[in-house]
Protein backbone atom coordinates (compact mmCIF):
# COMPACT_ATOMS: atom_id res chain seq x y z
CA MET A 1 -44.60 -9.40 -92.41
CA ARG A 2 -48.03 -9.29 -90.77
CA ARG A 3 -48.20 -9.55 -87.02
CA GLY A 4 -50.13 -12.07 -85.02
CA THR A 5 -52.45 -10.87 -82.31
CA ALA A 6 -51.79 -12.27 -78.85
CA VAL A 7 -54.75 -13.13 -76.65
CA ARG A 8 -54.10 -15.07 -73.46
CA TYR A 9 -50.88 -16.48 -74.92
CA ARG A 10 -52.62 -17.64 -78.08
CA PHE A 11 -51.89 -16.22 -81.44
CA LEU A 12 -54.78 -15.69 -83.80
CA GLU A 13 -52.81 -15.04 -86.97
CA PRO A 14 -49.33 -16.25 -87.92
CA PRO A 15 -46.57 -15.21 -88.06
CA THR A 16 -46.27 -15.77 -84.37
CA ILE A 17 -44.46 -13.79 -81.74
CA SER A 18 -43.23 -16.11 -79.03
CA ILE A 19 -43.47 -14.67 -75.54
CA LEU A 20 -40.82 -16.24 -73.36
CA GLN A 21 -40.70 -16.40 -69.63
CA MET A 22 -37.25 -17.68 -68.77
CA LYS A 23 -37.56 -19.02 -65.26
CA PRO A 24 -34.22 -19.11 -63.46
CA VAL A 25 -34.95 -22.13 -61.31
CA PHE A 26 -32.40 -24.92 -61.14
CA LEU A 27 -32.49 -26.86 -64.40
CA ARG A 28 -35.78 -25.37 -65.50
CA LEU A 29 -36.46 -23.05 -68.37
CA THR A 30 -40.12 -22.23 -68.63
CA MET A 31 -41.67 -20.47 -71.56
CA VAL A 32 -45.21 -19.22 -71.81
CA GLY A 33 -46.72 -19.26 -75.24
CA LEU A 34 -48.24 -21.23 -78.02
CA PHE A 35 -45.83 -21.55 -80.89
CA LEU A 36 -47.64 -21.65 -84.20
CA LEU A 37 -45.00 -21.24 -86.85
CA ALA A 38 -45.01 -21.87 -90.55
CA ALA A 39 -42.65 -24.74 -89.77
CA GLY A 40 -45.17 -26.29 -87.36
CA ALA A 41 -45.68 -26.37 -83.63
CA CYS A 42 -42.69 -26.36 -81.30
CA GLY A 43 -42.53 -27.67 -77.77
CA SER A 44 -42.71 -25.31 -74.82
CA ARG A 45 -39.04 -25.81 -73.96
CA SER A 46 -37.72 -25.02 -77.44
CA PRO A 47 -36.82 -21.33 -77.62
CA GLY A 48 -33.82 -21.92 -79.87
CA SER A 49 -35.96 -23.90 -82.31
CA VAL A 50 -38.56 -21.14 -82.34
CA HIS A 51 -35.84 -18.58 -83.11
CA ARG A 52 -34.23 -20.71 -85.84
CA ALA A 53 -37.65 -21.23 -87.43
CA GLY A 54 -38.08 -17.46 -87.73
CA GLY A 55 -40.15 -16.76 -84.63
CA ARG A 56 -39.67 -13.38 -82.97
CA ILE A 57 -38.64 -13.89 -79.36
CA VAL A 58 -40.10 -11.51 -76.74
CA GLY A 59 -38.93 -11.75 -73.15
CA GLY A 60 -41.11 -11.23 -70.14
CA SER A 61 -41.70 -12.17 -66.55
CA ASP A 62 -44.55 -14.00 -64.90
CA TRP A 63 -43.84 -12.41 -61.55
CA TRP A 64 -44.15 -13.76 -58.79
CA VAL A 65 -43.28 -17.13 -60.29
CA SER A 66 -40.04 -15.95 -61.88
CA SER A 67 -37.50 -13.23 -61.33
CA LEU A 68 -38.32 -9.67 -62.32
CA ASN A 69 -34.68 -9.25 -63.36
CA PRO A 70 -34.42 -9.76 -67.14
CA LEU A 71 -30.70 -10.49 -66.78
CA ASP A 72 -31.57 -13.74 -64.96
CA ALA A 73 -33.76 -14.83 -67.87
CA ILE A 74 -31.20 -13.75 -70.47
CA GLU A 75 -28.51 -15.81 -68.77
CA VAL A 76 -30.82 -18.84 -68.60
CA ALA A 77 -31.56 -18.55 -72.33
CA VAL A 78 -27.88 -18.13 -73.24
CA ARG A 79 -26.52 -20.88 -70.96
CA ARG A 80 -29.53 -23.17 -70.43
CA GLN A 81 -28.18 -23.69 -66.93
CA ASN A 82 -28.89 -22.48 -63.41
CA PRO A 83 -27.96 -18.77 -63.46
CA ASN A 84 -26.72 -18.93 -59.89
CA GLY A 85 -23.99 -21.44 -60.62
CA THR A 86 -21.05 -21.92 -62.95
CA GLY A 87 -21.69 -25.45 -64.08
CA GLY A 88 -23.93 -28.41 -63.67
CA SER A 89 -26.34 -29.99 -66.08
CA THR A 90 -27.51 -28.16 -69.18
CA LEU A 91 -31.14 -28.31 -70.22
CA ASN A 92 -31.13 -29.18 -73.94
CA PRO A 93 -28.10 -27.19 -75.13
CA MET A 94 -29.46 -27.13 -78.70
CA GLU A 95 -32.08 -24.64 -77.48
CA ARG A 96 -29.59 -21.97 -76.40
CA ILE A 97 -30.21 -18.49 -77.75
CA ASP A 98 -27.43 -15.99 -78.42
CA LEU A 99 -27.02 -12.87 -76.31
CA ALA A 100 -27.91 -10.40 -79.07
CA THR A 101 -31.22 -12.17 -79.71
CA MET A 102 -32.10 -12.17 -76.02
CA LEU A 103 -31.25 -8.48 -75.62
CA ALA A 104 -33.55 -7.79 -78.58
CA ALA A 105 -36.21 -9.94 -76.88
CA TYR A 106 -36.25 -7.54 -73.95
CA THR A 107 -36.01 -4.33 -75.99
CA ILE A 108 -37.06 -3.86 -79.61
CA ASN A 109 -39.10 -7.07 -79.81
CA GLY A 110 -41.17 -6.05 -76.79
CA ALA A 111 -41.82 -2.71 -78.46
CA TYR A 112 -42.77 -4.57 -81.66
CA LEU A 113 -45.25 -6.71 -79.74
CA MET A 114 -46.86 -3.55 -78.35
CA ARG A 115 -46.83 -2.00 -81.85
CA GLN A 116 -44.63 0.81 -80.58
CA GLU A 117 -41.30 0.01 -82.23
CA ASP A 118 -41.42 3.40 -83.95
CA ARG A 119 -41.19 5.08 -80.49
CA LEU A 120 -39.55 2.53 -78.17
CA GLY A 121 -37.17 -0.40 -77.99
CA SER A 122 -33.97 0.94 -79.55
CA ILE A 123 -31.69 3.93 -79.23
CA GLU A 124 -32.47 6.12 -82.24
CA VAL A 125 -33.04 9.79 -82.93
CA GLY A 126 -36.72 10.61 -82.37
CA LYS A 127 -37.42 7.70 -80.01
CA ARG A 128 -37.99 7.92 -76.28
CA ALA A 129 -34.79 7.66 -74.30
CA ASP A 130 -35.72 4.70 -72.09
CA LEU A 131 -32.50 2.88 -71.28
CA ILE A 132 -30.18 1.51 -68.66
CA VAL A 133 -26.41 1.66 -68.30
CA LEU A 134 -24.80 -1.48 -66.89
CA ASP A 135 -21.52 -1.86 -65.05
CA ARG A 136 -20.13 -4.07 -67.81
CA ASN A 137 -20.38 -4.86 -71.50
CA LEU A 138 -22.42 -8.09 -71.62
CA PHE A 139 -20.79 -9.05 -74.93
CA GLU A 140 -17.38 -9.06 -73.22
CA ALA A 141 -18.56 -10.75 -70.01
CA LEU A 142 -18.53 -14.48 -69.44
CA PRO A 143 -21.97 -16.05 -69.92
CA THR A 144 -21.91 -17.01 -66.22
CA GLU A 145 -21.64 -13.30 -65.32
CA ILE A 146 -24.63 -11.95 -67.25
CA ASN A 147 -26.97 -11.87 -64.27
CA GLU A 148 -24.27 -10.34 -62.07
CA ALA A 149 -24.32 -7.08 -64.04
CA ARG A 150 -25.61 -4.12 -62.06
CA VAL A 151 -27.58 -1.14 -63.29
CA LEU A 152 -25.66 2.13 -62.88
CA LEU A 153 -28.17 4.47 -64.51
CA THR A 154 -31.80 4.30 -65.63
CA LEU A 155 -33.29 6.87 -67.99
CA PHE A 156 -37.02 7.01 -68.56
CA ASP A 157 -38.11 9.27 -71.40
CA GLY A 158 -34.71 10.94 -71.12
CA GLU A 159 -35.02 11.67 -67.41
CA ASP A 160 -32.63 10.19 -64.84
CA VAL A 161 -34.85 8.07 -62.58
CA PHE A 162 -32.06 6.02 -60.98
CA SER A 163 -28.34 6.64 -60.48
CA SER A 164 -26.13 4.20 -58.62
CA ALA A 165 -23.49 5.50 -56.25
CA ALA A 166 -21.07 3.49 -58.39
CA MET A 167 -21.88 5.60 -61.47
CA PRO A 168 -18.71 7.51 -62.49
């Protein structure tokens, strides 16, 4: 698969990588990107459709407009609801994205976009040890608890750069 080249959120060559900015504002899910897929153009609020059509989802923040916390955006993508509540209206539930896809969006797919997936983005022998340890397994947590997870440990290139007092 050849990669597209992103320039100011436009992709010069398909296949396209969709850069998502999941904005955790009540009943809003904002994505930044132009979706040019083999299947045709998708609307800006259609992350699930982009994924189902074969687009590679890459997460990101447009700080100061959205949260810097990727867990907020992941919860918005999974639930399509306000991440600070447990109910309410759902913005187009057909556009939900599963947790595994959204975790990849913030890890290996970001490395792929930067053409560094051979060094970053996943835990493998020979790659940089850039990772976090959370206080819970997100796959066992309720979807409404994703953004409540707390970082216990951050490793950057194998070095401990943050340890929570709650770290055992």
